[in-house]
C-alpha atoms as a PDB file:
ATOM      1  CA  MET A   1     -19.493  -2.314   3.229  1.00  0.00           C
ATOM      2  CA  ASN A   2     -18.302  -4.787   0.630  1.00  0.00           C
ATOM      3  CA  THR A   3     -14.838  -4.336  -0.774  1.00  0.00           C
ATOM      4  CA  ALA A   4     -12.924  -5.715  -3.690  1.00  0.00           C
ATOM      5  CA  ALA A   5      -9.156  -6.138  -3.643  1.00  0.00           C
ATOM      6  CA  ILE A   6      -6.582  -5.897  -6.365  1.00  0.00           C
ATOM      7  CA  THR A   7      -2.943  -6.872  -6.346  1.00  0.00           C
ATOM      8  CA  VAL A   8      -0.636  -5.495  -8.990  1.00  0.00           C
ATOM      9  CA  MET A   9       2.238  -7.896  -8.376  1.00  0.00           C
ATOM     10  CA  GLN A  10       3.174 -10.795  -6.174  1.00  0.00           C
ATOM     11  CA  CYS A  11       4.559  -9.720  -2.832  1.00  0.00           C
ATOM     12  CA  ILE A  12       8.260  -9.700  -2.252  1.00  0.00           C
ATOM     13  CA  PRO A  13       9.238 -10.231   1.369  1.00  0.00           C
ATOM     14  CA  THR A  14       9.682  -6.623   2.504  1.00  0.00           C
ATOM     15  CA  ALA A  15       9.936  -7.556   6.153  1.00  0.00           C
ATOM     16  CA  ILE A  16      11.790 -10.285   8.003  1.00  0.00           C
ATOM     17  CA  TRP A  17       8.574 -11.773   9.447  1.00  0.00           C
ATOM     18  CA  LYS A  18       7.283 -12.389   5.901  1.00  0.00           C
ATOM     19  CA  LYS A  19      10.075 -14.765   4.887  1.00  0.00           C
ATOM     20  CA  LYS A  20       7.868 -17.848   5.140  1.00  0.00           C
ATOM     21  CA  ARG A  21       5.207 -18.094   2.498  1.00  0.00           C
ATOM     22  CA  LYS A  22       1.816 -19.393   3.589  1.00  0.00           C
ATOM     23  CA  PHE A  23       0.159 -19.851   0.214  1.00  0.00           C
ATOM     24  CA  PRO A  24       1.647 -21.493  -2.861  1.00  0.00           C
ATOM     25  CA  VAL A  25       1.675 -19.630  -6.158  1.00  0.00           C
ATOM     26  CA  GLN A  26      -0.332 -21.898  -8.404  1.00  0.00           C
ATOM     27  CA  GLY A  27       1.854 -23.618 -10.988  1.00  0.00           C
ATOM     28  CA  LYS A  28       5.090 -22.109  -9.688  1.00  0.00           C
ATOM     29  CA  LYS A  29       7.969 -23.947  -8.082  1.00  0.00           C
ATOM     30  CA  ASP A  30       8.501 -23.165  -4.414  1.00  0.00           C
ATOM     31  CA  SER A  31      12.154 -22.240  -4.996  1.00  0.00           C
ATOM     32  CA  ASP A  32      11.096 -19.440  -7.389  1.00  0.00           C
ATOM     33  CA  PHE A  33       9.087 -17.555  -4.794  1.00  0.00           C
ATOM     34  CA  PHE A  34      11.851 -15.372  -3.365  1.00  0.00           C
ATOM     35  CA  ARG A  35      13.739 -14.943  -6.649  1.00  0.00           C
ATOM     36  CA  LYS A  36      10.983 -13.981  -9.068  1.00  0.00           C
ATOM     37  CA  ILE A  37       8.187 -11.459  -9.038  1.00  0.00           C
ATOM     38  CA  TYR A  38       5.127 -12.165 -11.143  1.00  0.00           C
ATOM     39  CA  VAL A  39       3.932  -8.805 -12.420  1.00  0.00           C
ATOM     40  CA  LYS A  40       0.381  -8.408 -13.687  1.00  0.00           C
ATOM     41  CA  THR A  41       1.250  -6.198 -16.644  1.00  0.00           C
ATOM     42  CA  ASN A  42      -2.349  -6.354 -17.880  1.00  0.00           C
ATOM     43  CA  ILE A  43      -3.818  -5.193 -14.556  1.00  0.00           C
ATOM     44  CA  ALA A  44      -5.256  -1.938 -15.931  1.00  0.00           C
ATOM     45  CA  GLU A  45      -7.029  -3.691 -18.798  1.00  0.00           C
ATOM     46  CA  ALA A  46      -8.401  -6.393 -16.494  1.00  0.00           C
ATOM     47  CA  LEU A  47      -9.534  -3.758 -14.002  1.00  0.00           C
ATOM     48  CA  GLU A  48     -11.234  -1.695 -16.707  1.00  0.00           C
ATOM     49  CA  LYS A  49     -13.162  -4.778 -17.812  1.00  0.00           C
ATOM     50  CA  GLN A  50     -14.363  -5.352 -14.240  1.00  0.00           C
ATOM     51  CA  LEU A  51     -15.288  -1.737 -13.566  1.00  0.00           C
ATOM     52  CA  GLY A  52     -17.049  -1.434 -16.916  1.00  0.00           C
ATOM     53  CA  ALA A  53     -19.309  -4.410 -16.170  1.00  0.00           C
ATOM     54  CA  ARG A  54     -22.956  -3.665 -15.412  1.00  0.00           C
ATOM     55  CA  SER A  55     -22.621  -5.725 -12.241  1.00  0.00           C
ATOM     56  CA  TRP A  56     -20.036  -3.307 -10.772  1.00  0.00           C
ATOM     57  CA  LYS A  57     -21.567  -1.536  -7.753  1.00  0.00           C
ATOM     58  CA  LYS A  58     -18.792   0.992  -7.062  1.00  0.00           C
ATOM     59  CA  GLU A  59     -17.666  -0.819  -3.954  1.00  0.00           C
ATOM     60  CA  VAL A  60     -14.520   0.387  -2.222  1.00  0.00           C
ATOM     61  CA  ILE A  61     -11.468  -1.209  -3.782  1.00  0.00           C
ATOM     62  CA  ASN A  62      -8.685  -2.132  -1.381  1.00  0.00           C
ATOM     63  CA  ILE A  63      -5.281  -1.642  -2.993  1.00  0.00           C
ATOM     64  CA  GLY A  64      -2.292  -2.888  -1.053  1.00  0.00           C
ATOM     65  CA  GLY A  65      -4.266  -4.587   1.689  1.00  0.00           C
ATOM     66  CA  VAL A  66      -2.648  -7.928   0.907  1.00  0.00           C
ATOM     67  CA  CYS A  67       0.453  -6.923  -1.018  1.00  0.00           C
ATOM     68  CA  ASP A  68       2.040  -3.468  -1.290  1.00  0.00           C
ATOM     69  CA  SER A  69       1.472  -2.061  -4.781  1.00  0.00           C
ATOM     70  CA  TYR A  70       4.391   0.342  -4.350  1.00  0.00           C
ATOM     71  CA  GLN A  71       7.140  -2.266  -4.122  1.00  0.00           C
ATOM     72  CA  PRO A  72      10.524  -1.389  -5.681  1.00  0.00           C
ATOM     73  CA  ALA A  73       9.466  -3.061  -8.969  1.00  0.00           C
ATOM     74  CA  GLU A  74       6.636  -0.510  -9.309  1.00  0.00           C
ATOM     75  CA  GLU A  75       9.218   2.167 -10.038  1.00  0.00           C
ATOM     76  CA  LYS A  76      10.210   0.203 -13.150  1.00  0.00           C
ATOM     77  CA  TYR A  77       6.753  -0.936 -14.315  1.00  0.00           C
ATOM     78  CA  GLY A  78       4.632   2.112 -13.414  1.00  0.00           C
ATOM     79  CA  LEU A  79       1.452   0.047 -13.252  1.00  0.00           C
ATOM     80  CA  MET A  80      -0.189   2.038 -10.467  1.00  0.00           C
ATOM     81  CA  ARG A  81      -0.490   5.139 -12.659  1.00  0.00           C
ATOM     82  CA  LYS A  82      -2.410   3.001 -15.167  1.00  0.00           C
ATOM     83  CA  VAL A  83      -4.575   1.548 -12.391  1.00  0.00           C
ATOM     84  CA  LEU A  84      -5.307   5.013 -10.978  1.00  0.00           C
ATOM     85  CA  SER A  85      -6.186   6.283 -14.443  1.00  0.00           C
ATOM     86  CA  VAL A  86      -8.873   3.587 -14.661  1.00  0.00           C
ATOM     87  CA  MET A  87     -10.067   4.434 -11.138  1.00  0.00           C
ATOM     88  CA  ILE A  88     -10.454   8.086 -12.151  1.00  0.00           C
ATOM     89  CA  GLU A  89     -12.311   7.151 -15.326  1.00  0.00           C
ATOM     90  CA  TYR A  90     -14.847   5.066 -13.370  1.00  0.00           C
ATOM     91  CA  GLU A  91     -14.784   7.256 -10.229  1.00  0.00           C
ATOM     92  CA  SER A  92     -14.086   4.199  -8.123  1.00  0.00           C
ATOM     93  CA  PRO A  93     -13.627   4.657  -4.369  1.00  0.00           C
ATOM     94  CA  ILE A  94     -10.385   3.219  -2.996  1.00  0.00           C
ATOM     95  CA  THR A  95      -8.387   2.652   0.114  1.00  0.00           C
ATOM     96  CA  ILE A  96      -4.678   2.227  -0.501  1.00  0.00           C
ATOM     97  CA  SER A  97      -2.109   0.993   2.004  1.00  0.00           C
ATOM     98  CA  THR A  98       1.641   1.119   1.566  1.00  0.00           C
ATOM     99  CA  LYS A  99       5.020   1.180   3.295  1.00  0.00           C
ATOM    100  CA  SER A 100       6.550   3.223   0.488  1.00  0.00           C
ATOM    101  CA  ASP A 101       6.884   6.908  -0.227  1.00  0.00           C
ATOM    102  CA  LEU A 102       6.816   6.016  -3.939  1.00  0.00           C
ATOM    103  CA  ILE A 103       3.077   6.672  -3.666  1.00  0.00           C
ATOM    104  CA  LEU A 104       3.956  10.392  -3.742  1.00  0.00           C
ATOM    105  CA  ARG A 105       4.835   9.957  -7.424  1.00  0.00           C
ATOM    106  CA  ASP A 106       1.089   9.460  -7.980  1.00  0.00           C
ATOM    107  CA  TYR A 107      -0.003  12.327  -5.738  1.00  0.00           C
ATOM    108  CA  ASP A 108      -1.641  14.204  -8.634  1.00  0.00           C
ATOM    109  CA  MET A 109      -3.796  11.246  -9.620  1.00  0.00           C
ATOM    110  CA  LEU A 110      -4.817  10.406  -6.060  1.00  0.00           C
ATOM    111  CA  GLU A 111      -5.687  14.054  -5.441  1.00  0.00           C
ATOM    112  CA  GLU A 112      -7.829  14.083  -8.607  1.00  0.00           C
ATOM    113  CA  LEU A 113      -9.586  10.847  -7.645  1.00  0.00           C
ATOM    114  CA  ALA A 114     -10.242  12.191  -4.125  1.00  0.00           C
ATOM    115  CA  GLU A 115     -12.144  15.103  -5.667  1.00  0.00           C
ATOM    116  CA  LEU A 116     -14.435  12.581  -7.404  1.00  0.00           C
ATOM    117  CA  THR A 117     -14.959   9.888  -4.768  1.00  0.00           C
ATOM    118  CA  HIS A 118     -13.714   8.456  -1.470  1.00  0.00           C
ATOM    119  CA  VAL A 119      -9.952   7.929  -1.276  1.00  0.00           C
ATOM    120  CA  ASN A 120      -8.125   6.767   1.834  1.00  0.00           C
ATOM    121  CA  VAL A 121      -4.316   6.742   1.835  1.00  0.00           C
ATOM    122  CA  ALA A 122      -2.805   4.730   4.681  1.00  0.00           C
ATOM    123  CA  VAL A 123       0.727   3.836   5.652  1.00  0.00           C
ATOM    124  CA  THR A 124       1.949   1.009   7.830  1.00  0.00           C
ATOM    125  CA  VAL A 125       4.619   1.853  10.382  1.00  0.00           C
ATOM    126  CA  THR A 126       6.016  -0.906  12.558  1.00  0.00           C
ATOM    127  CA  THR A 127       8.319   1.240  14.669  1.00  0.00           C
ATOM    128  CA  MET A 128       9.573   4.826  14.859  1.00  0.00           C
ATOM    129  CA  ASP A 129      13.091   3.532  15.573  1.00  0.00           C
ATOM    130  CA  GLU A 130      14.916   4.079  12.249  1.00  0.00           C
ATOM    131  CA  LYS A 131      17.615   1.485  12.979  1.00  0.00           C
ATOM    132  CA  LEU A 132      15.138  -1.208  14.010  1.00  0.00           C
ATOM    133  CA  SER A 133      12.918  -0.353  11.054  1.00  0.00           C
ATOM    134  CA  SER A 134      15.792  -0.814   8.604  1.00  0.00           C
ATOM    135  CA  LEU A 135      16.546  -4.218  10.140  1.00  0.00           C
ATOM    136  CA  LEU A 136      12.926  -5.391  10.202  1.00  0.00           C
ATOM    137  CA  GLU A 137      11.849  -3.889   6.845  1.00  0.00           C
ATOM    138  CA  PRO A 138      14.972  -3.408   4.736  1.00  0.00           C
ATOM    139  CA  VAL A 139      13.068  -2.718   1.493  1.00  0.00           C
ATOM    140  CA  ALA A 140      10.448  -0.354   2.944  1.00  0.00           C
ATOM    141  CA  SER A 141      10.724   3.435   3.239  1.00  0.00           C
ATOM    142  CA  SER A 142      11.882   4.847   6.564  1.00  0.00           C
ATOM    143  CA  PRO A 143       9.197   5.684   9.156  1.00  0.00           C
ATOM    144  CA  GLU A 144       9.904   9.393   8.609  1.00  0.00           C
ATOM    145  CA  LYS A 145       9.258   9.060   4.869  1.00  0.00           C
ATOM    146  CA  ARG A 146       6.042   7.129   5.531  1.00  0.00           C
ATOM    147  CA  PHE A 147       4.765   9.917   7.767  1.00  0.00           C
ATOM    148  CA  SER A 148       5.690  12.387   5.030  1.00  0.00           C
ATOM    149  CA  VAL A 149       3.133  10.570   2.844  1.00  0.00           C
ATOM    150  CA  LEU A 150       0.370  11.285   5.360  1.00  0.00           C
ATOM    151  CA  GLN A 151       1.560  14.869   5.715  1.00  0.00           C
ATOM    152  CA  ALA A 152       1.477  15.346   1.930  1.00  0.00           C
ATOM    153  CA  PHE A 153      -2.148  14.220   1.658  1.00  0.00           C
ATOM    154  CA  LYS A 154      -3.263  16.362   4.619  1.00  0.00           C
ATOM    155  CA  ASP A 155      -4.537  19.197   2.436  1.00  0.00           C
ATOM    156  CA  THR A 156      -6.373  17.042  -0.117  1.00  0.00           C
ATOM    157  CA  ALA A 157      -9.879  15.593  -0.071  1.00  0.00           C
ATOM    158  CA  ALA A 158      -8.343  12.178   0.682  1.00  0.00           C
ATOM    159  CA  THR A 159      -8.552  10.794   4.196  1.00  0.00           C
ATOM    160  CA  THR A 160      -5.430   9.292   5.726  1.00  0.00           C
ATOM    161  CA  GLY A 161      -4.780   6.378   8.004  1.00  0.00           C
ATOM    162  CA  LEU A 162      -1.975   4.891  10.046  1.00  0.00           C
ATOM    163  CA  HIS A 163      -1.505   1.168  10.607  1.00  0.00           C
ATOM    164  CA  MET A 164       0.726   0.660  13.653  1.00  0.00           C
ATOM    165  CA  MET A 165       1.558  -2.972  12.992  1.00  0.00           C
ATOM    166  CA  PRO A 166       2.614  -5.602  13.394  1.00  0.00           C
ATOM    167  CA  ILE A 167       3.322  -5.396  17.075  1.00  0.00           C
ATOM    168  CA  LEU A 168       6.321  -7.667  17.566  1.00  0.00           C
ATOM    169  CA  PRO A 169       6.902  -9.153  21.025  1.00  0.00           C
ATOM    170  CA  PHE A 170      10.011  -7.783  22.740  1.00  0.00           C
ATOM    171  CA  LEU A 171      10.735  -5.422  19.808  1.00  0.00           C
ATOM    172  CA  THR A 172       7.778  -3.069  19.336  1.00  0.00           C
ATOM    173  CA  ASP A 173       5.359  -4.024  22.086  1.00  0.00           C
ATOM    174  CA  SER A 174       6.450  -1.705  24.914  1.00  0.00           C
ATOM    175  CA  LEU A 175       4.559   1.401  25.986  1.00  0.00           C
ATOM    176  CA  LYS A 176       7.755   3.411  25.460  1.00  0.00           C
ATOM    177  CA  THR A 177       7.904   2.266  21.829  1.00  0.00           C
ATOM    178  CA  SER A 178       4.208   2.951  21.215  1.00  0.00           C
ATOM    179  CA  ASN A 179       4.426   6.436  22.715  1.00  0.00           C
ATOM    180  CA  LYS A 180       6.953   7.454  20.037  1.00  0.00           C
ATOM    181  CA  PHE A 181       4.102   7.483  17.489  1.00  0.00           C
ATOM    182  CA  PHE A 182       2.011  10.100  19.279  1.00  0.00           C
ATOM    183  CA  PRO A 183       4.162  13.233  18.860  1.00  0.00           C
ATOM    184  CA  VAL A 184       4.155  12.644  15.072  1.00  0.00           C
ATOM    185  CA  GLN A 185       0.394  12.100  14.677  1.00  0.00           C
ATOM    186  CA  PRO A 186      -0.821  15.698  15.243  1.00  0.00           C
ATOM    187  CA  ASN A 187       1.017  16.693  12.044  1.00  0.00           C
ATOM    188  CA  VAL A 188      -1.278  14.557   9.903  1.00  0.00           C
ATOM    189  CA  LYS A 189      -5.047  14.471   9.463  1.00  0.00           C
END
């Protein structure tokens, strides 16, 4: 299966292991990376142009696979509602990954899209330990809130997924730590 990927805005470092940037932002000074977010305010228009092209084959679009589209700035800009509106118009299949419960704001649109085509909603959870999670991912929603996302989509046509990653040596790599995920999983589909 071929997939296309879209990124609504440049990633902000939501986790301590993401503090070192691997790829330069073309034309931007290195010192700006952690202070500025470059928001693609025209993302819906650009997406509509792509999906309206005759060459578009309705491949699965991966949203949030590289950079979480539900970062704190999304609350201000509201770009994902515009993106999802275009997805509904073109009945485009998507998989969306996030660490934020802000995705629940768009529940109605994701539910509507799931009635038209394939939708997969996935959350990434690094650890079930709330204290460790807040240290490792200070900007992300708590693990409990992330599981509430999966629970919310349980009764829709959308499929759900859980990314248990990254596995961090000496922090989240023990069997005891991994086993904390399993009691929560039966509550989601």
